[in-house]
Amino acid sequence: MQRREMREQREKLIVDKSIDLFSKQGFLGVRMSDIARETGFSMGTIYSHFESKEDLLVACAYTLILEHKQLFELISALDVAPIEKIITVVQCSWYVSTHHPDLIEIDSLSMMPSVWRRATSDRIDRLNQMHITLAETFLQIVLEAIDEGLNGYSKYDQDEIERLANHLTHGMWGLCVGLSSTAQSGYASSLCPNKGEEHYSHFVINYTNFLKGYGWHEPEPDAVFERCRSQALNCLSGLERLGAGVLQ
């Protein structure tokens, strides 16, 4: 095995073990010495790959984003209407955020300015570029949905359509983040004592109303969401880390 391949394998092991530790103990609860002990590598070896714990956190987030990219590719390839691809994407996001808040926390922390100050610019640039790639992929699906599945925009020119698509995209992600955060909060516990399906019902109702506001005229939205739910679970089933716990 070449030296470069050995280095890449070491780095992958460090990242995978770090994701596990950050998930169980939280970023602040993990020391670099804990990672060295878990991997069996010396502190010198760990620091030869990552300049700081923040640098390692960004590398962990990049690995998780790569798995989200796989999800996007699977969903983009589905032989369904663009609006169903959008709903399937947000279904996946909902399931990951509600079943793996620990993984979402890693991604969220990796975008904090305090982390960037101690991480290497190369890792930050790679992570940012991956976020841009995912956003562009989703935006393309949204543009197709506006053309095929949303009503009221036939007189819009291309610039107006692109602005609309950007607004819709930001709204979709903002709603998903807000709903998943609320589902995990004490506020939601008082409103949804049954949790689980009750939280999911709020998710469906809010997204249905959101899409209706953008011109989605669907007589049976619940049936569409249920169909997309099955598609989302099928896509997640092929991803070991993100699918874990979701399908139980």
C-alpha atoms as a PDB file:
ATOM      1  CA  MET A   1       0.000   0.000   0.000  1.00  0.00           C
ATOM      2  CA  GLN A   2       1.326   3.430  -0.935  1.00  0.00           C
ATOM      3  CA  ARG A   3       2.074   6.023   1.719  1.00  0.00           C
ATOM      4  CA  ARG A   4      -0.675   8.329   0.458  1.00  0.00           C
ATOM      5  CA  GLU A   5      -3.273   5.549   0.677  1.00  0.00           C
ATOM      6  CA  MET A   6      -2.200   4.738   4.228  1.00  0.00           C
ATOM      7  CA  ARG A   7      -2.537   8.393   5.187  1.00  0.00           C
ATOM      8  CA  GLU A   8      -6.023   8.587   3.664  1.00  0.00           C
ATOM      9  CA  GLN A   9      -7.085   5.451   5.531  1.00  0.00           C
ATOM     10  CA  ARG A  10      -5.774   6.862   8.822  1.00  0.00           C
ATOM     11  CA  GLU A  11      -7.615  10.119   8.235  1.00  0.00           C
ATOM     12  CA  LYS A  12     -10.863   8.299   7.438  1.00  0.00           C
ATOM     13  CA  LEU A  13     -10.581   6.248  10.625  1.00  0.00           C
ATOM     14  CA  ILE A  14      -9.904   9.353  12.709  1.00  0.00           C
ATOM     15  CA  VAL A  15     -12.910  11.132  11.196  1.00  0.00           C
ATOM     16  CA  ASP A  16     -15.252   8.153  11.624  1.00  0.00           C
ATOM     17  CA  LYS A  17     -14.235   7.627  15.260  1.00  0.00           C
ATOM     18  CA  SER A  18     -14.530  11.358  15.904  1.00  0.00           C
ATOM     19  CA  ILE A  19     -18.074  11.463  14.514  1.00  0.00           C
ATOM     20  CA  ASP A  20     -18.985   8.665  16.913  1.00  0.00           C
ATOM     21  CA  LEU A  21     -17.416  10.471  19.874  1.00  0.00           C
ATOM     22  CA  PHE A  22     -18.898  13.871  19.009  1.00  0.00           C
ATOM     23  CA  SER A  23     -22.300  12.197  18.603  1.00  0.00           C
ATOM     24  CA  LYS A  24     -22.166  10.514  22.004  1.00  0.00           C
ATOM     25  CA  GLN A  25     -20.394  13.156  24.100  1.00  0.00           C
ATOM     26  CA  GLY A  26     -20.840  16.401  22.190  1.00  0.00           C
ATOM     27  CA  PHE A  27     -18.077  18.492  20.676  1.00  0.00           C
ATOM     28  CA  LEU A  28     -17.167  20.218  23.950  1.00  0.00           C
ATOM     29  CA  GLY A  29     -17.088  16.918  25.818  1.00  0.00           C
ATOM     30  CA  VAL A  30     -14.400  15.372  23.602  1.00  0.00           C
ATOM     31  CA  ARG A  31     -10.659  15.998  23.881  1.00  0.00           C
ATOM     32  CA  MET A  32      -8.068  15.218  21.255  1.00  0.00           C
ATOM     33  CA  SER A  33      -6.586  12.714  23.692  1.00  0.00           C
ATOM     34  CA  ASP A  34      -9.946  10.891  23.678  1.00  0.00           C
ATOM     35  CA  ILE A  35      -9.743  10.621  19.901  1.00  0.00           C
ATOM     36  CA  ALA A  36      -6.150   9.373  20.090  1.00  0.00           C
ATOM     37  CA  ARG A  37      -7.164   6.699  22.586  1.00  0.00           C
ATOM     38  CA  GLU A  38     -10.205   5.653  20.535  1.00  0.00           C
ATOM     39  CA  THR A  39      -8.234   5.343  17.289  1.00  0.00           C
ATOM     40  CA  GLY A  40      -5.073   3.881  18.813  1.00  0.00           C
ATOM     41  CA  PHE A  41      -2.963   6.613  17.209  1.00  0.00           C
ATOM     42  CA  SER A  42      -0.559   8.920  18.996  1.00  0.00           C
ATOM     43  CA  MET A  43      -1.387  12.567  19.587  1.00  0.00           C
ATOM     44  CA  GLY A  44       1.359  13.430  17.106  1.00  0.00           C
ATOM     45  CA  THR A  45      -0.353  11.349  14.420  1.00  0.00           C
ATOM     46  CA  ILE A  46      -3.707  13.009  15.104  1.00  0.00           C
ATOM     47  CA  TYR A  47      -2.178  16.485  14.853  1.00  0.00           C
ATOM     48  CA  SER A  48      -0.295  15.527  11.694  1.00  0.00           C
ATOM     49  CA  HIS A  49      -3.706  15.223  10.043  1.00  0.00           C
ATOM     50  CA  PHE A  50      -5.679  17.939  11.851  1.00  0.00           C
ATOM     51  CA  GLU A  51      -4.297  21.168  13.272  1.00  0.00           C
ATOM     52  CA  SER A  52      -7.016  21.498  15.920  1.00  0.00           C
ATOM     53  CA  LYS A  53     -10.213  19.917  17.203  1.00  0.00           C
ATOM     54  CA  GLU A  54     -12.115  22.519  15.162  1.00  0.00           C
ATOM     55  CA  ASP A  55     -10.251  21.444  12.032  1.00  0.00           C
ATOM     56  CA  LEU A  56     -11.307  17.873  12.769  1.00  0.00           C
ATOM     57  CA  LEU A  57     -14.917  18.967  13.329  1.00  0.00           C
ATOM     58  CA  VAL A  58     -15.006  20.564   9.866  1.00  0.00           C
ATOM     59  CA  ALA A  59     -13.629  17.333   8.378  1.00  0.00           C
ATOM     60  CA  CYS A  60     -16.388  15.385  10.153  1.00  0.00           C
ATOM     61  CA  ALA A  61     -19.041  17.756   8.788  1.00  0.00           C
ATOM     62  CA  TYR A  62     -17.624  17.338   5.282  1.00  0.00           C
ATOM     63  CA  THR A  63     -17.961  13.560   5.580  1.00  0.00           C
ATOM     64  CA  LEU A  64     -21.582  13.902   6.674  1.00  0.00           C
ATOM     65  CA  ILE A  65     -22.321  16.317   3.826  1.00  0.00           C
ATOM     66  CA  LEU A  66     -20.903  13.781   1.367  1.00  0.00           C
ATOM     67  CA  GLU A  67     -23.531  11.328   2.623  1.00  0.00           C
ATOM     68  CA  HIS A  68     -26.215  13.974   2.068  1.00  0.00           C
ATOM     69  CA  LYS A  69     -24.864  14.385  -1.461  1.00  0.00           C
ATOM     70  CA  GLN A  70     -25.464  10.670  -2.010  1.00  0.00           C
ATOM     71  CA  LEU A  71     -29.043  11.188  -0.861  1.00  0.00           C
ATOM     72  CA  PHE A  72     -29.530  14.068  -3.280  1.00  0.00           C
ATOM     73  CA  GLU A  73     -28.181  11.987  -6.141  1.00  0.00           C
ATOM     74  CA  LEU A  74     -30.547   9.116  -5.322  1.00  0.00           C
ATOM     75  CA  ILE A  75     -33.527  11.458  -5.111  1.00  0.00           C
ATOM     76  CA  SER A  76     -32.579  13.355  -8.289  1.00  0.00           C
ATOM     77  CA  ALA A  77     -32.554  10.044 -10.171  1.00  0.00           C
ATOM     78  CA  LEU A  78     -36.079   9.064  -9.061  1.00  0.00           C
ATOM     79  CA  ASP A  79     -38.614   8.755 -11.866  1.00  0.00           C
ATOM     80  CA  VAL A  80     -41.155  11.057 -10.205  1.00  0.00           C
ATOM     81  CA  ALA A  81     -42.426  14.605 -10.667  1.00  0.00           C
ATOM     82  CA  PRO A  82     -40.039  17.388  -9.503  1.00  0.00           C
ATOM     83  CA  ILE A  83     -42.458  18.457  -6.748  1.00  0.00           C
ATOM     84  CA  GLU A  84     -42.261  14.924  -5.328  1.00  0.00           C
ATOM     85  CA  LYS A  85     -38.467  15.104  -5.410  1.00  0.00           C
ATOM     86  CA  ILE A  86     -38.656  18.294  -3.337  1.00  0.00           C
ATOM     87  CA  ILE A  87     -40.968  16.669  -0.814  1.00  0.00           C
ATOM     88  CA  THR A  88     -38.763  13.568  -0.683  1.00  0.00           C
ATOM     89  CA  VAL A  89     -35.695  15.716  -0.002  1.00  0.00           C
ATOM     90  CA  VAL A  90     -37.366  17.487   2.907  1.00  0.00           C
ATOM     91  CA  GLN A  91     -38.741  14.173   4.174  1.00  0.00           C
ATOM     92  CA  CYS A  92     -35.167  12.872   4.315  1.00  0.00           C
ATOM     93  CA  SER A  93     -34.010  16.043   6.036  1.00  0.00           C
ATOM     94  CA  TRP A  94     -36.847  15.710   8.565  1.00  0.00           C
ATOM     95  CA  TYR A  95     -36.003  12.106   9.375  1.00  0.00           C
ATOM     96  CA  VAL A  96     -32.288  12.747   9.724  1.00  0.00           C
ATOM     97  CA  SER A  97     -32.790  15.813  11.918  1.00  0.00           C
ATOM     98  CA  THR A  98     -35.336  14.121  14.190  1.00  0.00           C
ATOM     99  CA  HIS A  99     -33.518  10.781  14.459  1.00  0.00           C
ATOM    100  CA  HIS A 100     -29.936  12.100  14.399  1.00  0.00           C
ATOM    101  CA  PRO A 101     -29.856  15.512  16.112  1.00  0.00           C
ATOM    102  CA  ASP A 102     -26.298  14.649  17.141  1.00  0.00           C
ATOM    103  CA  LEU A 103     -25.197  14.573  13.489  1.00  0.00           C
ATOM    104  CA  ILE A 104     -27.063  17.775  12.694  1.00  0.00           C
ATOM    105  CA  GLU A 105     -25.262  19.429  15.599  1.00  0.00           C
ATOM    106  CA  ILE A 106     -21.892  18.522  14.075  1.00  0.00           C
ATOM    107  CA  ASP A 107     -22.873  20.166  10.795  1.00  0.00           C
ATOM    108  CA  SER A 108     -24.307  23.255  12.524  1.00  0.00           C
ATOM    109  CA  LEU A 109     -21.251  23.765  14.724  1.00  0.00           C
ATOM    110  CA  SER A 110     -18.925  23.397  11.746  1.00  0.00           C
ATOM    111  CA  MET A 111     -20.413  26.580  10.246  1.00  0.00           C
ATOM    112  CA  MET A 112     -19.796  28.760  13.308  1.00  0.00           C
ATOM    113  CA  PRO A 113     -17.259  31.617  12.942  1.00  0.00           C
ATOM    114  CA  SER A 114     -15.539  30.578  16.182  1.00  0.00           C
ATOM    115  CA  VAL A 115     -14.825  27.171  14.611  1.00  0.00           C
ATOM    116  CA  TRP A 116     -13.607  28.672  11.355  1.00  0.00           C
ATOM    117  CA  ARG A 117     -11.043  30.775  13.179  1.00  0.00           C
ATOM    118  CA  ARG A 118      -9.284  27.612  14.351  1.00  0.00           C
ATOM    119  CA  ALA A 119      -9.821  25.401  11.306  1.00  0.00           C
ATOM    120  CA  THR A 120      -7.656  25.374   8.195  1.00  0.00           C
ATOM    121  CA  SER A 121      -8.855  27.403   5.210  1.00  0.00           C
ATOM    122  CA  ASP A 122      -8.606  24.411   2.864  1.00  0.00           C
ATOM    123  CA  ARG A 123     -11.069  22.379   4.904  1.00  0.00           C
ATOM    124  CA  ILE A 124     -13.446  25.315   5.266  1.00  0.00           C
ATOM    125  CA  ASP A 125     -13.331  25.951   1.508  1.00  0.00           C
ATOM    126  CA  ARG A 126     -14.075  22.297   0.740  1.00  0.00           C
ATOM    127  CA  LEU A 127     -17.016  22.262   3.138  1.00  0.00           C
ATOM    128  CA  ASN A 128     -18.409  25.513   1.734  1.00  0.00           C
ATOM    129  CA  GLN A 129     -18.098  24.247  -1.818  1.00  0.00           C
ATOM    130  CA  MET A 130     -19.991  21.077  -0.926  1.00  0.00           C
ATOM    131  CA  HIS A 131     -22.807  23.143   0.603  1.00  0.00           C
ATOM    132  CA  ILE A 132     -22.918  25.205  -2.606  1.00  0.00           C
ATOM    133  CA  THR A 133     -23.063  22.033  -4.717  1.00  0.00           C
ATOM    134  CA  LEU A 134     -25.985  20.677  -2.700  1.00  0.00           C
ATOM    135  CA  ALA A 135     -27.818  24.002  -2.874  1.00  0.00           C
ATOM    136  CA  GLU A 136     -27.377  24.156  -6.652  1.00  0.00           C
ATOM    137  CA  THR A 137     -28.657  20.589  -7.036  1.00  0.00           C
ATOM    138  CA  PHE A 138     -31.754  21.347  -4.991  1.00  0.00           C
ATOM    139  CA  LEU A 139     -32.286  24.658  -6.773  1.00  0.00           C
ATOM    140  CA  GLN A 140     -32.387  22.852 -10.115  1.00  0.00           C
ATOM    141  CA  ILE A 141     -35.129  20.555  -8.805  1.00  0.00           C
ATOM    142  CA  VAL A 142     -37.057  23.608  -7.575  1.00  0.00           C
ATOM    143  CA  LEU A 143     -36.785  25.268 -11.001  1.00  0.00           C
ATOM    144  CA  GLU A 144     -38.193  22.135 -12.621  1.00  0.00           C
ATOM    145  CA  ALA A 145     -41.016  22.069 -10.076  1.00  0.00           C
ATOM    146  CA  ILE A 146     -41.927  25.680 -10.776  1.00  0.00           C
ATOM    147  CA  ASP A 147     -42.092  24.843 -14.470  1.00  0.00           C
ATOM    148  CA  GLU A 148     -44.099  21.631 -14.080  1.00  0.00           C
ATOM    149  CA  GLY A 149     -45.869  21.510 -10.706  1.00  0.00           C
ATOM    150  CA  LEU A 150     -46.587  25.024  -9.449  1.00  0.00           C
ATOM    151  CA  ASN A 151     -49.207  27.351 -10.881  1.00  0.00           C
ATOM    152  CA  GLY A 152     -49.328  31.097 -11.435  1.00  0.00           C
ATOM    153  CA  TYR A 153     -45.897  31.826 -12.898  1.00  0.00           C
ATOM    154  CA  SER A 154     -46.415  31.478 -16.645  1.00  0.00           C
ATOM    155  CA  LYS A 155     -45.871  35.227 -17.178  1.00  0.00           C
ATOM    156  CA  TYR A 156     -42.652  35.378 -15.162  1.00  0.00           C
ATOM    157  CA  ASP A 157     -39.405  35.934 -17.053  1.00  0.00           C
ATOM    158  CA  GLN A 158     -36.287  33.873 -16.323  1.00  0.00           C
ATOM    159  CA  ASP A 159     -34.836  36.305 -13.774  1.00  0.00           C
ATOM    160  CA  GLU A 160     -38.122  36.359 -11.846  1.00  0.00           C
ATOM    161  CA  ILE A 161     -38.322  32.563 -11.921  1.00  0.00           C
ATOM    162  CA  GLU A 162     -34.792  32.248 -10.557  1.00  0.00           C
ATOM    163  CA  ARG A 163     -35.517  34.736  -7.755  1.00  0.00           C
ATOM    164  CA  LEU A 164     -38.678  32.827  -6.909  1.00  0.00           C
ATOM    165  CA  ALA A 165     -36.751  29.541  -6.851  1.00  0.00           C
ATOM    166  CA  ASN A 166     -34.185  31.016  -4.470  1.00  0.00           C
ATOM    167  CA  HIS A 167     -36.912  32.304  -2.155  1.00  0.00           C
ATOM    168  CA  LEU A 168     -38.685  28.946  -2.195  1.00  0.00           C
ATOM    169  CA  THR A 169     -35.435  27.085  -1.524  1.00  0.00           C
ATOM    170  CA  HIS A 170     -34.532  29.274   1.457  1.00  0.00           C
ATOM    171  CA  GLY A 171     -38.052  28.945   2.812  1.00  0.00           C
ATOM    172  CA  MET A 172     -38.036  25.158   2.488  1.00  0.00           C
ATOM    173  CA  TRP A 173     -34.812  24.759   4.428  1.00  0.00           C
ATOM    174  CA  GLY A 174     -35.762  27.342   7.018  1.00  0.00           C
ATOM    175  CA  LEU A 175     -39.077  25.614   7.641  1.00  0.00           C
ATOM    176  CA  CYS A 176     -37.437  22.204   7.946  1.00  0.00           C
ATOM    177  CA  VAL A 177     -34.832  23.467  10.431  1.00  0.00           C
ATOM    178  CA  GLY A 178     -37.491  25.286  12.446  1.00  0.00           C
ATOM    179  CA  LEU A 179     -39.893  22.343  12.556  1.00  0.00           C
ATOM    180  CA  SER A 180     -37.215  19.821  13.509  1.00  0.00           C
ATOM    181  CA  SER A 181     -35.879  22.132  16.242  1.00  0.00           C
ATOM    182  CA  THR A 182     -39.385  22.651  17.590  1.00  0.00           C
ATOM    183  CA  ALA A 183     -40.031  18.895  17.567  1.00  0.00           C
ATOM    184  CA  GLN A 184     -37.070  18.412  19.916  1.00  0.00           C
ATOM    185  CA  SER A 185     -37.960  21.262  22.253  1.00  0.00           C
ATOM    186  CA  GLY A 186     -39.906  21.409  25.485  1.00  0.00           C
ATOM    187  CA  TYR A 187     -42.417  23.649  23.731  1.00  0.00           C
ATOM    188  CA  ALA A 188     -43.316  20.823  21.354  1.00  0.00           C
ATOM    189  CA  SER A 189     -43.614  18.329  24.206  1.00  0.00           C
ATOM    190  CA  SER A 190     -46.448  20.342  25.715  1.00  0.00           C
ATOM    191  CA  LEU A 191     -48.266  20.637  22.378  1.00  0.00           C
ATOM    192  CA  CYS A 192     -47.596  17.123  21.088  1.00  0.00           C
ATOM    193  CA  PRO A 193     -47.649  14.716  24.060  1.00  0.00           C
ATOM    194  CA  ASN A 194     -47.764  11.737  21.690  1.00  0.00           C
ATOM    195  CA  LYS A 195     -44.618  12.937  19.869  1.00  0.00           C
ATOM    196  CA  GLY A 196     -43.624  10.769  16.883  1.00  0.00           C
ATOM    197  CA  GLU A 197     -46.562  10.748  14.479  1.00  0.00           C
ATOM    198  CA  GLU A 198     -48.023  13.925  15.972  1.00  0.00           C
ATOM    199  CA  HIS A 199     -44.811  15.836  15.235  1.00  0.00           C
ATOM    200  CA  TYR A 200     -44.811  14.336  11.753  1.00  0.00           C
ATOM    201  CA  SER A 201     -48.407  15.492  11.238  1.00  0.00           C
ATOM    202  CA  HIS A 202     -47.360  19.077  12.053  1.00  0.00           C
ATOM    203  CA  PHE A 203     -44.503  18.695   9.567  1.00  0.00           C
ATOM    204  CA  VAL A 204     -46.870  17.579   6.774  1.00  0.00           C
ATOM    205  CA  ILE A 205     -49.476  20.275   7.461  1.00  0.00           C
ATOM    206  CA  ASN A 206     -46.922  23.088   7.563  1.00  0.00           C
ATOM    207  CA  TYR A 207     -45.179  21.969   4.378  1.00  0.00           C
ATOM    208  CA  THR A 208     -48.483  21.442   2.583  1.00  0.00           C
ATOM    209  CA  ASN A 209     -49.561  24.985   3.439  1.00  0.00           C
ATOM    210  CA  PHE A 210     -46.148  26.325   2.457  1.00  0.00           C
ATOM    211  CA  LEU A 211     -46.286  24.696  -0.972  1.00  0.00           C
ATOM    212  CA  LYS A 212     -49.892  25.784  -1.484  1.00  0.00           C
ATOM    213  CA  GLY A 213     -48.706  29.345  -0.925  1.00  0.00           C
ATOM    214  CA  TYR A 214     -46.355  28.886  -3.882  1.00  0.00           C
ATOM    215  CA  GLY A 215     -49.100  27.545  -6.146  1.00  0.00           C
ATOM    216  CA  TRP A 216     -49.171  23.802  -5.468  1.00  0.00           C
ATOM    217  CA  HIS A 217     -52.737  22.700  -6.262  1.00  0.00           C
ATOM    218  CA  GLU A 218     -52.936  19.080  -5.116  1.00  0.00           C
ATOM    219  CA  PRO A 219     -56.320  17.583  -4.165  1.00  0.00           C
ATOM    220  CA  GLU A 220     -54.767  14.820  -2.026  1.00  0.00           C
ATOM    221  CA  PRO A 221     -51.563  16.223  -0.466  1.00  0.00           C
ATOM    222  CA  ASP A 222     -51.513  13.627   2.323  1.00  0.00           C
ATOM    223  CA  ALA A 223     -51.277  10.832  -0.245  1.00  0.00           C
ATOM    224  CA  VAL A 224     -48.370  12.592  -1.980  1.00  0.00           C
ATOM    225  CA  PHE A 225     -46.528  13.082   1.311  1.00  0.00           C
ATOM    226  CA  GLU A 226     -47.063   9.434   2.225  1.00  0.00           C
ATOM    227  CA  ARG A 227     -45.695   8.330  -1.143  1.00  0.00           C
ATOM    228  CA  CYS A 228     -42.683  10.616  -0.726  1.00  0.00           C
ATOM    229  CA  ARG A 229     -42.210   9.324   2.808  1.00  0.00           C
ATOM    230  CA  SER A 230     -41.741   5.803   1.446  1.00  0.00           C
ATOM    231  CA  GLN A 231     -39.329   7.090  -1.197  1.00  0.00           C
ATOM    232  CA  ALA A 232     -37.326   8.936   1.460  1.00  0.00           C
ATOM    233  CA  LEU A 233     -37.048   5.854   3.671  1.00  0.00           C
ATOM    234  CA  ASN A 234     -35.958   3.753   0.701  1.00  0.00           C
ATOM    235  CA  CYS A 235     -33.227   6.262  -0.131  1.00  0.00           C
ATOM    236  CA  LEU A 236     -32.070   6.437   3.488  1.00  0.00           C
ATOM    237  CA  SER A 237     -31.965   2.660   3.801  1.00  0.00           C
ATOM    238  CA  GLY A 238     -28.903   2.508   1.573  1.00  0.00           C
ATOM    239  CA  LEU A 239     -26.875   4.852   3.777  1.00  0.00           C
ATOM    240  CA  GLU A 240     -25.477   3.115   6.841  1.00  0.00           C
ATOM    241  CA  ARG A 241     -24.935   6.124   9.102  1.00  0.00           C
ATOM    242  CA  LEU A 242     -27.935   8.252   8.134  1.00  0.00           C
ATOM    243  CA  GLY A 243     -30.260   5.268   7.811  1.00  0.00           C
ATOM    244  CA  ALA A 244     -29.413   3.932  11.273  1.00  0.00           C
ATOM    245  CA  GLY A 245     -32.277   4.431  13.698  1.00  0.00           C
ATOM    246  CA  VAL A 246     -34.537   5.999  11.069  1.00  0.00           C
ATOM    247  CA  LEU A 247     -35.933   2.708   9.851  1.00  0.00           C
ATOM    248  CA  GLN A 248     -36.480   1.125  13.265  1.00  0.00           C
END
